[in-house]
Each structure stands twice: as C-alpha cells, then as structure tokens.
Amino acid sequence: MRLVVSRADPVPESLPVDDRWPRAGHWLSAGAGRHPIDVAVLGIPTFTRSRNRAATHSTPAAVRRALHHFTTWSASRHVDLADLWPWDVGDVDEPDREDGDWRARTSVATALAKSRLLIALGGDGSATVPLVHGLGVATAGVVAFDAQYDLREGNGNTSALAVLFDAGLEGERVAHLGAADWLVSRSHADEARARGLHLYPRGVLDERGIAACTTDAITQVGARGNVHVSFDLSVCDRSIAPACLDSAPGGISAAQLLTAAFTVGLDPRVRSVDIVEVDAAADAPDYRTVRLAALVVLEVAAGLALRPRS
C-alpha cells in the first residue's frame, strides 16, 4: 500500500531516504556526536504575549519538518552542510511562564557556550530578548530586520527593543533594517532616531543592496561585542509571508531575505540569529512562509560553513 502524506507538511519518518539526496532535516536530527558543534538550533516557542493572538508556538516544529523538503547542498555557493556538525537543542519549555525567561536564558547560554553559532526558532518577537541577554545586553550589538520598530510599551511581541533598552541596551548598538511606510508610527520613528539607531528603511535596502546594508549594519553595532541578528519575517512581502500577520504588500523579497541570511552567517561577528513572528497555523496551504523560514536556517548555516575557523 502506498503511503500518502502532505507535500507541504510531511511526517519526516514517512519520507524516503536517498543517499544521493540527503535531507537537511535528517542532517539536523543526526547531531554532532562527539564532534565540536558548529551550529546549534534552539526553539523558543513564545506566543502568549502576541498582540495578534498568533499560534507562533507551533512554528519551531514546523520549521524542523520543512527542512526535510530541502537537501544539504547549496549549488550556487558550493557548500554542503554535511560538512557542519549540528546540534538540535530542542525547545525551551513554556517560555511564556513567569520562570520561562530564566529557562530560555539558560538554554541560550548553554547553546552559545557549546557552538560557533546559535539559530533560534521563534516564537513571537519576545523570543529575541533572552537571546540578547545571552550575549550580554551591556555589550552586544543587535541587527533587526523588521517592518516595525518593536518599541511599544509592555513586554509583548512588538516590545522587544523597548524591553532591551530598559535593560541597558544602547540605541547606538542597534541597527534596524526594513521599516515600512504605514506600519511605523511617527512617535516610534522619532524615538528610534532620538535613541541613535542606525536605520535602513526599505528604500535604502533597494538602492544600496541588502548585502551591503547588512554588512554595514553589523559593523556599526558590533564594535563592543558579539552581534545578534533578528529576522522578523513580517519584513517580507505578504505574498511570500502570509503566516506573518503584520506582513504587508511591498515588503522585501525572498531573494533579498536569503541574501541577508547568508551574509549574516558569513560574518564572524554574529554569534546568534533568530527567526520570529511566523504563525505556522496561519500559513498558506503550501506552507510557503514556514519553508522560507527553513531556507533562512540553511542560508545562515551556509554562511557559517564558509567562515574562516579561528
């Protein structure tokens, strides 16, 4: 009897194993064994603070499943992720609970200590906070790809930068890329400028190129410490990111996003990356947003594979 599974969201065990077409999902789940770990993948499934009531806690598992649709080989970059040793750390247990932040920070610290690069799968935008604390909020630089500035009051999914500023992050150590007309308020734009953020709105990304802007942003914020990069996929055009409830027409393209992800992975100043604000339960039937998130993982890892080893 032929087993029928969804092409979009498969059960990994149901997919055929082909030694000539190794699946990225199998690469991640195989782990590093006794080898030094290159890339750690950690789920931080935050969702209760989301203003959109999004089911972002379902996304880390969905991204792991989506990785089974892709191989480990990047033909354009001549990179095989089979040359990297991965560690799937699993998910932080109930990160939204009162003691969940401590568990998230502990998991982040462990993953950073044991790997060259940490990739975190959110979760809503509040997942960024424990990652920056893991690097050290007093010295870390932050590069945020986002349609909005995340400066709202409170501790919700659109408050990450506000929370980090209250904890001691300085505006001059933050670069923001992709802010969109009609999604940013005048008040938040004024605050971003007053705090000294390095701002790259969408028009600048188009004019200068996203790879150049990404490298410049990392340079501007990384003078005092390691850099964390946050990819809020609401920065993308809604046609490619329908599972991001704040995405809108006119956002950056998939090609731009993946170029930025590779550029981030290649830069040795970057120690951690997150992918947030994807609600897998609200995705299109073809799971295009979740698959895009999985490709961000692969592009970041490809960049890491080409980093010079210290």
Protein backbone atom coordinates (compact mmCIF):
# COMPACT_ATOMS: atom_id res chain seq x y z
CA MET A 1 0.00 0.00 0.00
CA ARG A 2 1.36 3.43 -0.97
CA LEU A 3 1.59 5.85 1.95
CA VAL A 4 0.13 9.25 1.12
CA VAL A 5 1.39 12.30 3.04
CA SER A 6 1.01 16.04 2.63
CA ARG A 7 3.62 17.52 0.37
CA ALA A 8 3.54 20.69 2.41
CA ASP A 9 3.90 19.41 5.96
CA PRO A 10 5.21 15.84 5.99
CA VAL A 11 5.82 13.45 8.81
CA PRO A 12 9.60 13.08 8.40
CA GLU A 13 9.53 9.35 9.04
CA SER A 14 7.23 8.92 6.04
CA LEU A 15 9.70 10.41 3.56
CA PRO A 16 12.03 8.20 1.57
CA VAL A 17 15.72 8.06 2.44
CA ASP A 18 18.01 8.58 -0.55
CA ASP A 19 21.78 8.67 -0.03
CA ARG A 20 22.10 10.75 -3.19
CA TRP A 21 19.55 13.35 -1.98
CA PRO A 22 20.31 13.84 1.72
CA ARG A 23 17.63 15.83 3.51
CA ALA A 24 18.54 18.85 5.62
CA GLY A 25 16.09 17.65 8.27
CA HIS A 26 17.99 14.40 8.64
CA TRP A 27 21.27 16.35 8.85
CA LEU A 28 19.95 18.40 11.77
CA SER A 29 18.43 15.48 13.63
CA ALA A 30 21.58 13.35 13.25
CA GLY A 31 23.50 15.70 15.54
CA ALA A 32 27.21 16.16 16.07
CA GLY A 33 28.06 13.07 18.08
CA ARG A 34 31.44 13.63 19.72
CA HIS A 35 32.45 16.34 17.28
CA PRO A 36 32.73 20.04 18.21
CA ILE A 37 29.37 21.69 17.47
CA ASP A 38 29.24 24.23 14.66
CA VAL A 39 25.60 25.31 14.71
CA ALA A 40 23.01 24.90 17.46
CA VAL A 41 19.28 25.16 16.75
CA LEU A 42 17.01 26.08 19.65
CA GLY A 43 13.24 26.54 19.67
CA ILE A 44 11.83 29.40 21.77
CA PRO A 45 8.07 28.95 21.20
CA THR A 46 6.74 32.18 22.72
CA PHE A 47 3.18 33.12 21.81
CA THR A 48 1.02 34.30 24.72
CA ARG A 49 2.31 37.88 24.54
CA SER A 50 1.41 38.27 20.87
CA ARG A 51 -0.99 41.12 20.16
CA ASN A 52 -2.23 39.12 17.16
CA ARG A 53 -3.07 36.04 19.26
CA ALA A 54 -0.89 34.10 16.88
CA ALA A 55 -0.04 30.42 17.30
CA THR A 56 3.68 31.05 16.90
CA HIS A 57 4.45 28.28 19.40
CA SER A 58 3.70 25.81 16.59
CA THR A 59 6.44 27.18 14.36
CA PRO A 60 9.71 25.62 15.63
CA ALA A 61 8.40 22.11 14.98
CA ALA A 62 7.00 23.17 11.60
CA VAL A 63 10.36 24.60 10.51
CA ARG A 64 12.13 21.40 11.51
CA ARG A 65 9.64 19.43 9.40
CA ALA A 66 10.08 21.82 6.47
CA LEU A 67 13.83 21.19 6.47
CA HIS A 68 13.07 17.70 5.15
CA HIS A 69 11.99 19.29 1.85
CA PHE A 70 15.49 20.60 1.22
CA THR A 71 18.84 18.98 0.64
CA THR A 72 22.13 19.92 2.34
CA TRP A 73 23.80 21.19 -0.86
CA SER A 74 23.91 24.82 -1.99
CA ALA A 75 24.81 24.68 -5.67
CA SER A 76 25.34 28.43 -6.09
CA ARG A 77 27.68 28.64 -3.10
CA HIS A 78 29.30 25.19 -3.46
CA VAL A 79 28.56 24.46 0.18
CA ASP A 80 27.45 21.17 1.70
CA LEU A 81 26.01 21.46 5.19
CA ALA A 82 27.08 17.87 5.75
CA ASP A 83 30.47 19.42 6.49
CA LEU A 84 28.98 21.17 9.56
CA TRP A 85 28.21 19.47 12.85
CA PRO A 86 24.75 20.49 14.11
CA TRP A 87 23.01 20.21 17.47
CA ASP A 88 19.24 20.40 17.77
CA VAL A 89 18.87 21.62 21.34
CA GLY A 90 15.10 21.13 21.33
CA ASP A 91 12.59 23.70 22.59
CA VAL A 92 12.54 25.80 25.73
CA ASP A 93 9.68 24.50 27.87
CA GLU A 94 6.85 27.03 28.26
CA PRO A 95 8.98 30.17 27.77
CA ASP A 96 5.99 32.47 28.41
CA ARG A 97 5.54 31.37 32.02
CA GLU A 98 6.89 33.50 34.87
CA ASP A 99 10.00 31.33 35.14
CA GLY A 100 10.19 30.75 31.38
CA ASP A 101 12.56 33.65 30.76
CA TRP A 102 15.10 32.05 33.10
CA ARG A 103 14.81 28.74 31.26
CA ALA A 104 15.21 30.49 27.90
CA ARG A 105 18.29 32.41 29.04
CA THR A 106 19.81 29.24 30.49
CA SER A 107 19.25 27.32 27.24
CA VAL A 108 20.68 30.20 25.22
CA ALA A 109 23.78 30.39 27.40
CA THR A 110 24.39 26.65 27.09
CA ALA A 111 23.92 26.65 23.31
CA LEU A 112 26.21 29.65 22.85
CA ALA A 113 28.91 28.08 25.01
CA LYS A 114 28.89 24.85 23.02
CA SER A 115 28.56 26.12 19.43
CA ARG A 116 30.05 28.55 16.96
CA LEU A 117 26.60 29.93 16.08
CA LEU A 118 23.12 29.69 17.58
CA ILE A 119 19.98 29.81 15.43
CA ALA A 120 16.78 30.26 17.44
CA LEU A 121 13.36 29.40 16.05
CA GLY A 122 10.55 31.55 17.43
CA GLY A 123 8.00 32.09 18.62
CA ASP A 124 6.85 35.68 18.57
CA GLY A 125 9.15 38.69 18.75
CA SER A 126 9.60 38.45 22.51
CA ALA A 127 11.94 35.49 21.86
CA THR A 128 14.63 38.00 20.90
CA VAL A 129 15.00 39.26 24.48
CA PRO A 130 16.67 36.20 26.11
CA LEU A 131 18.97 35.84 23.12
CA VAL A 132 20.40 39.34 23.51
CA HIS A 133 20.73 38.79 27.24
CA GLY A 134 22.67 35.63 26.43
CA LEU A 135 25.25 37.63 24.54
CA GLY A 136 25.34 40.34 27.20
CA VAL A 137 22.95 43.25 26.99
CA ALA A 138 25.67 45.69 28.10
CA THR A 139 27.95 44.94 25.14
CA ALA A 140 26.01 43.08 22.44
CA GLY A 141 25.03 44.60 19.13
CA VAL A 142 21.61 43.95 17.60
CA VAL A 143 20.64 43.93 13.94
CA ALA A 144 16.86 43.74 13.47
CA PHE A 145 15.09 43.00 10.20
CA ASP A 146 11.52 44.07 10.86
CA ALA A 147 8.66 46.01 9.31
CA GLN A 148 8.16 47.82 12.66
CA TYR A 149 10.43 49.14 15.41
CA ASP A 150 9.14 46.99 18.32
CA LEU A 151 9.08 49.98 20.66
CA ARG A 152 5.59 49.56 22.10
CA GLU A 153 5.18 49.67 25.85
CA GLY A 154 4.84 46.44 27.80
CA ASN A 155 6.52 43.11 27.17
CA GLY A 156 4.61 41.86 24.13
CA ASN A 157 5.77 40.64 20.76
CA THR A 158 6.19 44.21 19.45
CA SER A 159 8.08 45.41 22.54
CA ALA A 160 11.40 43.57 22.28
CA LEU A 161 13.59 46.63 21.67
CA ALA A 162 11.76 48.62 24.33
CA VAL A 163 12.36 45.84 26.88
CA LEU A 164 16.03 45.61 25.93
CA PHE A 165 16.50 49.38 26.15
CA ASP A 166 15.07 49.27 29.67
CA ALA A 167 17.61 46.54 30.47
CA GLY A 168 20.57 48.65 29.32
CA LEU A 169 20.89 48.17 25.56
CA GLU A 170 22.04 51.40 23.95
CA GLY A 171 20.43 52.68 20.76
CA GLU A 172 23.78 53.14 19.03
CA ARG A 173 24.26 49.36 19.28
CA VAL A 174 21.09 48.67 17.29
CA ALA A 175 20.64 48.68 13.53
CA HIS A 176 17.16 48.35 12.07
CA LEU A 177 16.52 47.23 8.50
CA GLY A 178 13.27 47.14 6.55
CA ALA A 179 10.92 49.55 8.33
CA ALA A 180 7.82 50.05 6.18
CA ASP A 181 5.69 53.05 5.35
CA TRP A 182 2.28 52.83 7.03
CA LEU A 183 3.46 50.22 9.54
CA VAL A 184 5.61 52.57 11.65
CA SER A 185 4.14 55.39 13.72
CA ARG A 186 5.62 58.88 13.78
CA SER A 187 6.18 58.57 17.53
CA HIS A 188 8.17 55.36 17.18
CA ALA A 189 10.19 56.77 14.27
CA ASP A 190 11.07 59.84 16.34
CA GLU A 191 12.15 57.64 19.26
CA ALA A 192 14.29 55.44 17.02
CA ARG A 193 16.16 58.47 15.70
CA ALA A 194 16.47 60.05 19.15
CA ARG A 195 17.99 56.85 20.57
CA GLY A 196 20.59 56.78 17.79
CA LEU A 197 19.51 53.62 15.98
CA HIS A 198 21.17 53.00 12.62
CA LEU A 199 18.20 52.99 10.25
CA TYR A 200 17.93 51.29 6.87
CA PRO A 201 14.34 51.68 5.61
CA ARG A 202 13.15 49.65 2.66
CA GLY A 203 14.07 52.28 0.09
CA VAL A 204 17.69 52.24 1.25
CA LEU A 205 17.82 48.44 1.02
CA ASP A 206 16.68 48.66 -2.60
CA GLU A 207 19.07 51.48 -3.50
CA ARG A 208 22.24 50.15 -1.86
CA GLY A 209 21.60 46.42 -1.91
CA ILE A 210 20.70 44.30 1.07
CA ALA A 211 24.06 42.54 1.39
CA ALA A 212 25.96 45.84 1.64
CA CYS A 213 23.43 47.26 4.11
CA THR A 214 23.61 44.11 6.25
CA THR A 215 27.40 44.19 6.44
CA ASP A 216 27.41 47.90 7.26
CA ALA A 217 24.80 47.35 9.98
CA ILE A 218 26.86 44.60 11.63
CA THR A 219 29.93 46.83 11.53
CA GLN A 220 28.07 49.74 13.13
CA VAL A 221 26.72 47.76 16.08
CA GLY A 222 29.49 45.23 16.65
CA ALA A 223 32.29 47.42 17.95
CA ARG A 224 31.90 46.42 21.62
CA GLY A 225 30.79 42.81 21.48
CA ASN A 226 29.14 39.98 19.63
CA VAL A 227 26.14 40.59 17.40
CA HIS A 228 22.64 39.12 17.47
CA VAL A 229 20.54 39.27 14.30
CA SER A 230 16.76 39.05 14.45
CA PHE A 231 14.77 38.13 11.35
CA ASP A 232 11.14 39.09 11.91
CA LEU A 233 9.65 37.72 8.70
CA SER A 234 6.97 40.41 8.70
CA VAL A 235 9.66 42.39 6.90
CA CYS A 236 8.85 40.30 3.81
CA ASP A 237 6.23 40.94 1.15
CA ARG A 238 2.91 39.45 2.19
CA SER A 239 2.78 37.26 -0.93
CA ILE A 240 5.69 35.22 0.41
CA ALA A 241 4.96 35.53 4.15
CA PRO A 242 1.20 35.19 4.70
CA ALA A 243 1.83 33.48 8.05
CA CYS A 244 3.26 36.75 9.40
CA LEU A 245 0.16 38.63 10.42
CA ASP A 246 1.89 42.04 10.22
CA SER A 247 3.42 41.49 6.78
CA ALA A 248 2.13 43.76 4.03
CA PRO A 249 2.48 44.23 0.27
CA GLY A 250 5.73 45.94 -0.65
CA GLY A 251 8.00 44.08 1.74
CA ILE A 252 11.40 42.67 0.85
CA SER A 253 11.60 39.71 -1.49
CA ALA A 254 12.56 36.14 -0.65
CA ALA A 255 15.79 36.62 -2.60
CA GLN A 256 16.67 39.70 -0.52
CA LEU A 257 15.90 37.89 2.74
CA LEU A 258 18.01 34.88 1.85
CA THR A 259 20.90 37.06 0.69
CA ALA A 260 20.81 38.82 4.05
CA ALA A 261 20.70 35.48 5.88
CA PHE A 262 23.79 34.21 4.05
CA THR A 263 25.61 37.50 4.69
CA VAL A 264 24.81 37.20 8.40
CA GLY A 265 26.03 33.61 8.59
CA LEU A 266 29.29 34.52 6.87
CA ASP A 267 30.20 37.29 9.32
CA PRO A 268 32.27 36.08 12.31
CA ARG A 269 30.93 38.92 14.48
CA VAL A 270 27.48 37.30 14.50
CA ARG A 271 27.03 34.74 17.31
CA SER A 272 23.27 34.28 17.32
CA VAL A 273 20.29 34.61 14.99
CA ASP A 274 16.55 34.33 15.50
CA ILE A 275 13.61 33.82 13.14
CA VAL A 276 10.37 35.14 14.66
CA GLU A 277 6.75 36.14 14.08
CA VAL A 278 5.77 33.19 11.85
CA ASP A 279 2.45 31.57 12.77
CA ALA A 280 2.65 28.16 11.16
CA ALA A 281 -1.03 27.54 11.87
CA ALA A 282 -1.96 30.57 9.71
CA ASP A 283 0.27 29.74 6.75
CA ALA A 284 -0.87 29.25 3.17
CA PRO A 285 -1.77 25.68 2.13
CA ASP A 286 1.66 25.28 0.52
CA TYR A 287 3.43 26.31 3.76
CA ARG A 288 5.39 28.99 1.92
CA THR A 289 6.24 31.05 5.00
CA VAL A 290 7.44 28.09 7.03
CA ARG A 291 9.54 26.89 4.11
CA LEU A 292 11.00 30.37 3.77
CA ALA A 293 11.95 30.28 7.45
CA ALA A 294 13.62 26.90 6.88
CA LEU A 295 15.60 28.36 3.98
CA VAL A 296 16.79 31.18 6.25
CA VAL A 297 18.21 28.48 8.56
CA LEU A 298 20.02 26.88 5.63
CA GLU A 299 21.39 30.15 4.25
CA VAL A 300 22.71 31.20 7.66
CA ALA A 301 24.34 27.79 8.03
CA ALA A 302 25.83 28.06 4.54
CA GLY A 303 27.46 31.33 5.51
CA LEU A 304 28.83 29.72 8.66
CA ALA A 305 30.31 26.90 6.58
CA LEU A 306 32.38 29.46 4.67
CA ARG A 307 33.55 31.39 7.72
CA PRO A 308 37.25 31.03 8.48
CA ARG A 309 37.74 28.89 11.56
CA SER A 310 39.63 30.51 14.41
